[in-house]
């Protein structure tokens, strides 16, 4: 019933329980549950926007980190602290 991957177990369990309750109440309806990725189709534009969005975020992050380390070193210099 359930594959070894835990992400597939919950939809299968919901399907079994829902259909069991429907049978208890003498309903002829049945539910079908499936799990698929949200973006199953290949979309080149989407990949382009995701790539450049993440690239831009990483560039801003990379530009902001070196001043943080420099300020720490300047503060250590001002208080004349030394490491052993």
C-alpha atoms as a PDB file:
ATOM      1  CA  UNK A   1       0.000   0.000   0.000  1.00  0.00           C
ATOM      2  CA  UNK A   2       2.698   2.427   0.975  1.00  0.00           C
ATOM      3  CA  UNK A   3       6.099   2.930  -0.572  1.00  0.00           C
ATOM      4  CA  UNK A   4       9.151   3.301   1.709  1.00  0.00           C
ATOM      5  CA  UNK A   5       9.165   7.058   1.131  1.00  0.00           C
ATOM      6  CA  UNK A   6       7.227   8.769   3.942  1.00  0.00           C
ATOM      7  CA  UNK A   7       5.958  11.552   1.700  1.00  0.00           C
ATOM      8  CA  UNK A   8       3.805   9.057  -0.193  1.00  0.00           C
ATOM      9  CA  UNK A   9       2.353   7.349   2.895  1.00  0.00           C
ATOM     10  CA  UNK A  10       0.089  10.181   4.037  1.00  0.00           C
ATOM     11  CA  UNK A  11      -1.906  10.555   0.787  1.00  0.00           C
ATOM     12  CA  UNK A  12      -2.370   6.772   0.622  1.00  0.00           C
ATOM     13  CA  UNK A  13      -3.555   6.687   4.230  1.00  0.00           C
ATOM     14  CA  UNK A  14      -6.002   9.551   3.604  1.00  0.00           C
ATOM     15  CA  UNK A  15      -7.325   7.740   0.539  1.00  0.00           C
ATOM     16  CA  UNK A  16      -7.878   4.470   2.438  1.00  0.00           C
ATOM     17  CA  UNK A  17      -9.572   6.180   5.389  1.00  0.00           C
ATOM     18  CA  UNK A  18     -11.793   8.383   3.226  1.00  0.00           C
ATOM     19  CA  UNK A  19     -12.973   5.498   1.087  1.00  0.00           C
ATOM     20  CA  UNK A  20     -13.597   3.390   4.203  1.00  0.00           C
ATOM     21  CA  UNK A  21     -15.808   6.094   5.700  1.00  0.00           C
ATOM     22  CA  UNK A  22     -17.661   6.495   2.420  1.00  0.00           C
ATOM     23  CA  UNK A  23     -18.372   2.743   2.356  1.00  0.00           C
ATOM     24  CA  UNK A  24     -19.593   2.881   5.967  1.00  0.00           C
ATOM     25  CA  UNK A  25     -22.193   5.486   5.004  1.00  0.00           C
ATOM     26  CA  UNK A  26     -23.300   3.465   1.947  1.00  0.00           C
ATOM     27  CA  UNK A  27     -22.017   5.988  -0.558  1.00  0.00           C
ATOM     28  CA  UNK A  28     -21.144   5.040  -4.122  1.00  0.00           C
ATOM     29  CA  UNK A  29     -18.616   7.852  -4.452  1.00  0.00           C
ATOM     30  CA  UNK A  30     -14.918   7.101  -4.227  1.00  0.00           C
ATOM     31  CA  UNK A  31     -11.946   9.378  -3.658  1.00  0.00           C
ATOM     32  CA  UNK A  32      -8.676   9.080  -5.492  1.00  0.00           C
ATOM     33  CA  UNK A  33      -5.522  10.642  -4.073  1.00  0.00           C
ATOM     34  CA  UNK A  34      -2.235  11.044  -5.916  1.00  0.00           C
ATOM     35  CA  UNK A  35       0.981  12.884  -5.303  1.00  0.00           C
ATOM     36  CA  UNK A  36       2.905  14.630  -8.033  1.00  0.00           C
ATOM     37  CA  UNK A  37       5.419  17.423  -8.170  1.00  0.00           C
ATOM     38  CA  UNK A  38       3.935  20.861  -8.565  1.00  0.00           C
ATOM     39  CA  UNK A  39       5.954  21.689 -11.669  1.00  0.00           C
ATOM     40  CA  UNK A  40       6.014  18.462 -13.610  1.00  0.00           C
ATOM     41  CA  UNK A  41       6.330  20.177 -16.996  1.00  0.00           C
ATOM     42  CA  UNK A  42       9.509  21.651 -18.344  1.00  0.00           C
ATOM     43  CA  UNK A  43       9.301  25.431 -18.392  1.00  0.00           C
ATOM     44  CA  UNK A  44      12.460  27.195 -19.542  1.00  0.00           C
ATOM     45  CA  UNK A  45      11.259  30.664 -18.496  1.00  0.00           C
ATOM     46  CA  UNK A  46      10.529  29.500 -14.966  1.00  0.00           C
ATOM     47  CA  UNK A  47      13.991  27.961 -14.609  1.00  0.00           C
ATOM     48  CA  UNK A  48      15.519  31.178 -15.976  1.00  0.00           C
ATOM     49  CA  UNK A  49      13.712  33.363 -13.397  1.00  0.00           C
ATOM     50  CA  UNK A  50      14.486  31.027 -10.513  1.00  0.00           C
ATOM     51  CA  UNK A  51      18.165  30.833 -11.456  1.00  0.00           C
ATOM     52  CA  UNK A  52      18.648  34.590 -11.785  1.00  0.00           C
ATOM     53  CA  UNK A  53      16.564  35.299  -8.682  1.00  0.00           C
ATOM     54  CA  UNK A  54      18.754  33.008  -6.604  1.00  0.00           C
ATOM     55  CA  UNK A  55      21.900  34.321  -8.297  1.00  0.00           C
ATOM     56  CA  UNK A  56      20.938  37.908  -7.446  1.00  0.00           C
ATOM     57  CA  UNK A  57      20.187  36.945  -3.842  1.00  0.00           C
ATOM     58  CA  UNK A  58      23.566  35.230  -3.470  1.00  0.00           C
ATOM     59  CA  UNK A  59      25.410  38.202  -4.966  1.00  0.00           C
ATOM     60  CA  UNK A  60      23.776  40.589  -2.474  1.00  0.00           C
ATOM     61  CA  UNK A  61      24.627  38.188   0.336  1.00  0.00           C
ATOM     62  CA  UNK A  62      28.235  37.864  -0.863  1.00  0.00           C
ATOM     63  CA  UNK A  63      28.569  41.647  -1.070  1.00  0.00           C
ATOM     64  CA  UNK A  64      27.306  42.101   2.497  1.00  0.00           C
ATOM     65  CA  UNK A  65      29.439  39.556   4.335  1.00  0.00           C
ATOM     66  CA  UNK A  66      33.008  40.955   3.927  1.00  0.00           C
ATOM     67  CA  UNK A  67      32.197  44.300   5.619  1.00  0.00           C
ATOM     68  CA  UNK A  68      30.849  42.358   8.581  1.00  0.00           C
ATOM     69  CA  UNK A  69      34.203  40.636   9.075  1.00  0.00           C
ATOM     70  CA  UNK A  70      36.085  43.873   8.512  1.00  0.00           C
ATOM     71  CA  UNK A  71      34.051  45.697  11.155  1.00  0.00           C
ATOM     72  CA  UNK A  72      34.795  42.940  13.636  1.00  0.00           C
ATOM     73  CA  UNK A  73      38.529  43.282  12.994  1.00  0.00           C
ATOM     74  CA  UNK A  74      38.403  47.087  13.312  1.00  0.00           C
ATOM     75  CA  UNK A  75      36.565  46.805  16.631  1.00  0.00           C
ATOM     76  CA  UNK A  76      39.203  44.360  17.905  1.00  0.00           C
ATOM     77  CA  UNK A  77      41.926  46.799  16.833  1.00  0.00           C
ATOM     78  CA  UNK A  78      40.245  49.687  18.674  1.00  0.00           C
ATOM     79  CA  UNK A  79      40.014  47.835  21.983  1.00  0.00           C
ATOM     80  CA  UNK A  80      43.490  46.356  21.426  1.00  0.00           C
ATOM     81  CA  UNK A  81      42.373  42.782  21.920  1.00  0.00           C
ATOM     82  CA  UNK A  82      44.661  39.908  21.003  1.00  0.00           C
ATOM     83  CA  UNK A  83      44.086  36.262  20.357  1.00  0.00           C
ATOM     84  CA  UNK A  84      46.405  33.666  21.827  1.00  0.00           C
END
